[in-house]
Protein backbone atom coordinates (compact mmCIF):
# COMPACT_ATOMS: atom_id res chain seq x y z
CA MET A 1 64.95 266.68 -20.36
CA ALA A 2 68.09 264.32 -20.24
CA LEU A 3 70.71 266.00 -18.17
CA THR A 4 73.52 263.37 -18.98
CA VAL A 5 74.94 261.91 -22.24
CA GLU A 6 73.59 258.27 -20.71
CA GLN A 7 70.19 259.42 -19.94
CA ALA A 8 70.04 261.40 -23.57
CA PHE A 9 70.73 258.10 -25.14
CA TYR A 10 68.38 255.64 -22.80
CA GLU A 11 65.35 258.33 -24.02
CA PHE A 12 66.67 258.20 -27.57
CA MET A 13 66.89 254.60 -27.80
CA ARG A 14 63.38 254.37 -26.18
CA ASP A 15 61.88 256.72 -28.21
CA THR A 16 63.71 256.74 -31.47
CA VAL A 17 65.39 253.98 -32.24
CA ASP A 18 63.78 250.83 -30.40
CA LEU A 19 60.42 249.39 -31.88
CA ASP A 20 57.31 250.39 -29.40
CA PRO A 21 56.84 247.67 -26.88
CA GLN A 22 53.09 247.62 -27.62
CA ILE A 23 53.86 247.64 -31.34
CA VAL A 24 56.09 244.07 -31.06
CA LYS A 25 53.38 242.53 -29.02
CA ASN A 26 50.26 243.10 -31.47
CA ALA A 27 52.78 242.17 -33.99
CA ARG A 28 53.82 239.02 -32.51
CA GLU A 29 50.15 237.82 -32.06
CA SER A 30 49.19 239.15 -35.20
CA ARG A 31 51.43 236.99 -36.50
CA ASN A 32 50.99 234.19 -34.73
CA ASN A 33 47.50 233.81 -33.89
CA ASN A 34 45.93 235.45 -37.14
CA LEU A 35 48.23 235.06 -40.00
CA LEU A 36 49.33 231.13 -38.86
CA GLU A 37 46.08 230.14 -38.18
CA ASN A 38 44.83 231.38 -41.46
CA ILE A 39 47.62 229.92 -43.57
CA ASN A 40 47.04 226.79 -41.70
CA GLU A 41 43.47 226.46 -43.31
CA PHE A 42 45.48 226.50 -46.55
CA ASP A 43 46.07 222.97 -46.06
CA ASN A 44 43.29 221.81 -48.55
CA ASP A 45 43.05 219.22 -51.24
CA ASP A 46 43.63 222.15 -54.23
CA PHE A 47 47.04 223.13 -51.98
CA PHE A 48 50.23 222.07 -50.45
CA ASN A 49 50.61 219.90 -48.04
CA LEU A 50 51.83 221.84 -45.45
CA CYS A 51 54.61 221.25 -42.54
CA PRO A 52 54.35 223.58 -39.84
CA GLU A 53 57.27 222.06 -37.80
CA TYR A 54 59.36 224.10 -40.55
CA ASN A 55 57.86 226.87 -40.31
CA LEU A 56 60.64 229.64 -39.22
CA HIS A 57 60.63 233.66 -37.89
CA PHE A 58 63.96 234.99 -39.19
CA GLY A 59 64.48 238.43 -40.31
CA SER A 60 65.62 241.22 -38.26
CA PHE A 61 61.93 241.27 -36.54
CA SER A 62 62.71 238.02 -35.47
CA ARG A 63 66.37 238.62 -34.14
CA LYS A 64 65.28 241.72 -32.25
CA THR A 65 67.56 243.92 -34.61
CA LYS A 66 65.00 246.31 -36.24
CA CYS A 67 64.31 249.43 -35.73
CA ARG A 68 61.95 251.78 -35.92
CA GLU A 69 59.65 251.96 -38.10
CA LEU A 70 58.38 248.32 -37.91
CA ASP A 71 57.55 247.93 -41.66
CA ASP A 72 57.89 244.04 -42.29
CA ILE A 73 57.93 240.54 -40.53
CA ASP A 74 59.28 237.86 -42.51
CA LEU A 75 57.92 234.49 -42.10
CA MET A 76 59.09 231.25 -43.94
CA ILE A 77 56.24 228.43 -44.39
CA GLY A 78 57.34 224.78 -44.65
CA ILE A 79 55.97 222.70 -47.51
CA SER A 80 55.77 218.90 -47.58
CA ALA A 81 57.95 217.37 -49.65
CA ASP A 82 55.77 214.33 -50.32
CA GLY A 83 58.46 212.72 -52.31
CA ALA A 84 60.16 215.61 -54.16
CA THR A 85 63.77 215.49 -54.45
CA TYR A 86 66.51 218.10 -55.15
CA ASN A 87 70.02 218.53 -56.55
CA PRO A 88 72.47 219.33 -53.62
CA HIS A 89 75.39 219.47 -56.14
CA ASN A 90 73.74 222.49 -57.61
CA SER A 91 75.25 225.98 -56.63
CA TRP A 92 73.60 227.48 -53.83
CA ASP A 93 71.12 230.07 -55.51
CA ASN A 94 70.03 227.81 -58.12
CA VAL A 95 68.79 224.77 -57.04
CA THR A 96 66.27 222.56 -59.03
CA ILE A 97 63.40 220.60 -57.46
CA THR A 98 62.31 217.90 -59.20
CA ALA A 99 58.47 218.07 -57.98
CA SER A 100 56.47 215.34 -56.24
CA ASP A 101 54.48 212.84 -58.57
CA THR A 102 51.50 212.51 -55.99
CA ASP A 103 51.22 215.78 -54.84
CA THR A 104 48.53 217.94 -56.96
CA ALA A 105 49.82 221.58 -56.12
CA GLN A 106 52.87 220.29 -56.65
CA ILE A 107 52.64 219.25 -59.85
CA GLY A 108 50.54 222.32 -61.06
CA CYS A 109 53.26 224.42 -60.45
CA SER A 110 55.70 221.93 -62.49
CA ASP A 111 57.32 222.58 -65.99
CA ASN A 112 57.20 220.19 -68.65
CA TYR A 113 60.22 218.16 -67.06
CA GLY A 114 58.73 217.60 -63.76
CA ARG A 115 60.83 220.76 -62.39
CA LEU A 116 59.03 222.58 -59.26
CA ASN A 117 58.60 226.03 -60.19
CA SER A 118 58.95 228.48 -57.57
CA ILE A 119 57.66 231.45 -59.23
CA SER A 120 54.65 229.08 -59.75
CA VAL A 121 54.93 228.16 -55.95
CA LEU A 122 54.62 232.11 -54.76
CA ASN A 123 51.47 232.71 -57.22
CA LYS A 124 49.91 230.09 -55.76
CA PHE A 125 50.50 231.37 -52.05
CA LYS A 126 49.47 234.80 -53.30
CA LYS A 127 46.50 233.64 -54.62
CA GLU A 128 45.25 231.64 -51.43
CA LEU A 129 46.27 234.74 -49.19
CA GLU A 130 43.89 237.26 -51.33
CA ASN A 131 41.12 235.57 -49.97
CA VAL A 132 41.92 236.42 -46.30
CA ARG A 133 39.59 239.10 -44.93
CA GLU A 134 41.96 240.75 -42.52
CA TYR A 135 44.11 241.29 -45.18
CA SER A 136 44.27 244.32 -47.75
CA ARG A 137 46.07 242.84 -50.76
CA SER A 138 49.13 240.77 -51.34
CA ASP A 139 51.79 240.76 -53.81
CA ILE A 140 54.90 238.91 -55.21
CA LYS A 141 57.96 241.11 -53.28
CA ARG A 142 60.35 242.74 -56.04
CA ASN A 143 63.46 240.53 -54.91
CA GLY A 144 60.84 237.52 -56.25
CA GLU A 145 61.56 235.73 -52.73
CA ALA A 146 58.53 236.37 -50.89
CA VAL A 147 54.69 237.09 -50.86
CA THR A 148 54.37 240.31 -49.13
CA LEU A 149 50.82 240.62 -47.46
CA ASN A 150 49.49 243.79 -46.76
CA LEU A 151 47.51 244.72 -43.56
CA LYS A 152 44.26 246.87 -43.18
CA SER A 153 44.82 248.10 -40.38
CA LYS A 154 48.38 247.88 -39.21
CA GLN A 155 51.95 249.82 -40.24
CA TRP A 156 53.53 246.36 -40.86
CA ASN A 157 53.61 243.94 -44.05
CA PHE A 158 54.47 240.49 -43.81
CA ASP A 159 57.03 238.60 -46.14
CA ILE A 160 55.72 234.97 -46.39
CA VAL A 161 58.30 232.88 -47.98
CA PRO A 162 57.39 229.24 -49.29
CA CYS A 163 59.98 226.68 -48.03
CA PHE A 164 61.28 223.20 -47.96
CA HIS A 165 63.69 222.08 -45.48
CA THR A 166 66.24 219.33 -46.63
CA GLU A 167 67.90 216.46 -44.98
CA GLU A 168 71.09 216.19 -43.77
CA GLU A 169 73.86 216.74 -46.78
CA GLN A 170 77.56 215.63 -46.95
CA ASP A 171 78.73 219.05 -45.43
CA GLY A 172 76.56 217.55 -42.32
CA ARG A 173 74.28 220.58 -42.79
CA ASP A 174 70.95 220.49 -43.36
CA TYR A 175 69.21 223.62 -45.17
CA TYR A 176 66.01 225.57 -46.37
CA LEU A 177 65.13 225.94 -49.50
CA ILE A 178 63.19 229.16 -50.88
CA PRO A 179 62.45 230.75 -54.19
CA ASN A 180 65.85 232.40 -55.46
CA GLY A 181 64.25 235.26 -57.13
CA LYS A 182 66.52 234.78 -60.32
CA GLY A 183 62.84 234.44 -62.54
CA ASN A 184 64.26 231.17 -63.61
CA GLY A 185 62.14 229.69 -60.95
CA ASN A 186 64.65 227.81 -59.15
CA TRP A 187 65.46 227.91 -55.33
CA LYS A 188 68.41 228.99 -53.18
CA LYS A 189 69.50 227.40 -50.05
CA THR A 190 69.69 229.27 -46.40
CA ASP A 191 69.78 228.69 -43.00
CA PRO A 192 68.36 231.48 -40.88
CA LYS A 193 68.73 229.10 -37.48
CA ARG A 194 73.11 228.84 -37.96
CA GLU A 195 72.42 232.81 -38.33
CA GLN A 196 70.67 233.14 -35.08
CA ARG A 197 72.74 231.09 -33.10
CA ILE A 198 75.74 232.90 -34.15
CA ILE A 199 74.39 236.45 -33.25
CA THR A 200 72.65 234.54 -30.03
CA ARG A 201 76.00 233.62 -29.18
CA ILE A 202 77.84 236.72 -29.47
CA ASN A 203 75.20 238.72 -27.92
CA ASN A 204 75.83 236.61 -24.78
CA LYS A 205 79.56 236.92 -25.07
CA HIS A 206 78.60 240.73 -24.63
CA LEU A 207 76.35 240.30 -21.91
CA GLY A 208 73.72 241.33 -24.11
CA ARG A 209 75.04 244.59 -25.30
CA VAL A 210 75.10 243.87 -29.73
CA LEU A 211 71.41 243.67 -30.34
CA ASN A 212 70.79 247.60 -29.10
CA THR A 213 74.19 248.61 -30.60
CA ILE A 214 73.07 246.91 -34.04
CA ARG A 215 69.81 249.03 -33.93
CA LEU A 216 71.35 252.09 -33.21
CA ILE A 217 73.85 251.66 -35.99
CA LYS A 218 71.18 250.64 -38.39
CA TYR A 219 69.31 253.91 -37.18
CA TRP A 220 72.45 256.08 -38.47
CA ASN A 221 72.55 253.88 -41.48
CA LYS A 222 69.12 255.08 -42.56
CA ARG A 223 69.76 259.00 -41.62
CA GLY A 224 70.02 259.58 -45.24
CA GLN A 225 73.50 261.48 -45.46
CA MET A 226 75.34 258.79 -47.46
CA PRO A 227 74.41 255.72 -49.46
CA THR A 228 72.48 253.21 -47.30
CA MET A 229 74.12 250.14 -46.81
CA PRO A 230 71.54 246.93 -47.18
CA SER A 231 70.50 246.12 -43.87
CA TYR A 232 71.90 242.34 -43.71
CA VAL A 233 75.42 243.78 -44.81
CA LEU A 234 75.20 246.40 -41.78
CA GLU A 235 74.24 243.88 -39.54
CA THR A 236 77.31 241.33 -40.08
CA MET A 237 79.69 243.90 -40.21
CA VAL A 238 78.59 244.74 -36.18
CA ILE A 239 78.60 240.92 -35.55
CA ASN A 240 81.86 240.63 -37.12
CA TYR A 241 83.29 243.74 -34.77
CA PHE A 242 81.73 242.12 -31.80
CA ASN A 243 83.10 238.58 -32.87
CA SER A 244 87.02 240.19 -32.85
CA SER A 245 86.34 242.15 -29.84
CA THR A 246 87.42 240.37 -26.30
CA GLU A 247 85.30 242.98 -23.99
CA THR A 248 82.94 246.15 -24.66
CA SER A 249 81.94 249.09 -22.92
CA GLU A 250 78.89 249.04 -20.87
CA TRP A 251 78.17 252.36 -22.46
CA ILE A 252 76.07 252.49 -26.08
CA GLU A 253 77.78 256.03 -27.11
CA ASP A 254 81.46 253.84 -26.84
CA ARG A 255 79.65 250.94 -28.66
CA PHE A 256 78.86 253.37 -31.42
CA TYR A 257 81.74 254.85 -31.64
CA GLU A 258 83.96 251.57 -32.16
CA VAL A 259 81.56 250.10 -34.69
CA LEU A 260 81.80 253.10 -36.66
CA LYS A 261 85.53 253.05 -36.57
CA PHE A 262 85.19 249.10 -37.78
CA ILE A 263 83.25 250.23 -40.59
CA PHE A 264 85.86 252.81 -41.68
CA TYR A 265 88.59 250.20 -41.61
CA ASN A 266 86.51 247.36 -42.90
CA ILE A 267 83.55 248.90 -45.73
CA GLN A 268 85.98 248.26 -48.51
CA PHE A 269 86.88 244.53 -47.98
CA PRO A 270 84.85 241.60 -48.93
CA ILE A 271 81.70 240.49 -45.85
CA TYR A 272 81.10 237.17 -45.90
CA ASP A 273 77.54 236.00 -44.57
CA LEU A 274 77.17 234.65 -41.58
CA LYS A 275 75.29 231.27 -42.41
CA GLY A 276 78.41 230.45 -44.92
CA ILE A 277 76.75 230.01 -47.73
CA GLU A 278 76.49 233.20 -49.70
CA GLY A 279 80.43 233.99 -49.92
CA ASP A 280 80.85 238.13 -50.12
CA ILE A 281 77.98 240.03 -49.76
CA ASN A 282 79.61 243.06 -50.23
CA THR A 283 78.34 244.26 -53.57
CA LEU A 284 78.21 247.92 -52.64
CA SER A 285 80.17 250.07 -55.70
CA ALA A 286 83.05 251.33 -55.12
CA ASN A 287 81.65 254.79 -55.02
CA ASP A 288 79.36 253.73 -52.30
CA LYS A 289 81.60 252.23 -49.94
CA ASN A 290 84.27 255.48 -50.44
CA LYS A 291 81.19 257.30 -49.40
CA ILE A 292 80.14 255.13 -46.33
CA ARG A 293 83.76 255.13 -45.28
CA THR A 294 83.75 258.80 -45.72
CA ARG A 295 80.65 259.31 -42.93
CA ALA A 296 81.83 256.93 -40.94
CA LYS A 297 85.05 258.47 -40.58
CA ASN A 298 83.82 261.69 -40.25
CA ASP A 299 81.37 260.42 -37.84
CA CYS A 300 83.72 258.74 -35.62
CA HIS A 301 85.85 261.66 -35.43
CA LYS A 302 82.93 263.60 -33.72
CA ALA A 303 81.93 260.55 -31.69
CA TYR A 304 85.26 260.62 -30.14
CA ASN A 305 85.09 264.09 -29.22
CA ALA A 306 81.52 263.96 -27.79
CA ILE A 307 82.87 261.10 -25.36
CA PHE A 308 85.95 263.40 -24.78
CA THR A 309 83.47 266.62 -23.56
CA GLU A 310 81.66 264.36 -21.52
CA ILE A 311 84.42 262.34 -19.74
CA LYS A 312 87.35 264.77 -19.59
CA GLU A 313 84.94 267.98 -19.84
CA ARG A 314 82.66 267.19 -17.71
CA ASN A 315 80.09 268.96 -19.77
CA MET A 316 76.95 267.19 -20.44
CA GLN A 317 74.60 269.58 -22.77
CA LYS A 318 77.64 270.32 -25.03
CA ALA A 319 78.29 266.39 -25.42
CA ILE A 320 74.51 265.69 -26.05
CA ASN A 321 74.39 268.77 -28.51
CA MET A 322 77.33 267.05 -30.16
CA TRP A 323 75.63 263.39 -30.24
CA ASP A 324 72.41 264.87 -31.52
CA GLU A 325 74.68 266.09 -34.71
CA ILE A 326 75.59 262.85 -35.11
CA LEU A 327 72.16 261.22 -34.57
CA GLY A 328 69.57 263.97 -34.37
């Protein structure tokens, strides 16, 4: 039993919040060895020409910001353009791709105007994945951007996103094009590498104290006492806090308190995506924002009292009990 707040948080993060290291190891091996090897075997006359150099690990598992339990792992699979083109002047979330006129798979997934339909591409991936023995079934993810692959003996799924990589545009940036999930078969721009660079830079600036703070805040977000913020929105808010802070405490409970205060003050305002593509991603209703703001305020007050009890009163057990009320 922990006798100090520091020890209590260490045990809580290790046993409740952070992913089990062995599960992480197994998941990476399953992704890098079994899954990618199986997908590479799809590269045949009936399937798209794949471009493995543009495969990309992305999402919270890749960024090391996922808290327990491990439910999904995101993976982008690069497709060779083979002469396919896109309109760079389309809106970011409604890009049209003109299919290759030499690639049989692309032609088969195109409409009468030669536009490559992202839904048809997803279905083609789904059909191939259904033939892999290690997985129980596959399905198109609800948001229409990925094929979800369910494993027979593991607790996690793989979300597989087909993608194309663009050349540099006039703004000096290159992008990944993925299914837009709108039901019209078009595509959208994304740039996970830019996002990862930003997170890595800020985490390094704050001596590696950012990622575990994100995981702790995500755990708090999932406790069910308020509307749940989308994971990406919450993660962006935490990054924004650290980006605006010149220095941070070495104690995770202090960082937790400061982030709650930041959420209280900022949840009602626009939150812009780190990739610099989507604009304001804070689509929560006014009612949900108010409920989250109230919960952040109340727990911020409780956290302040817990820190006061630890530092000023030197009553460790009372402080631990107060943290237990906030986090369980």
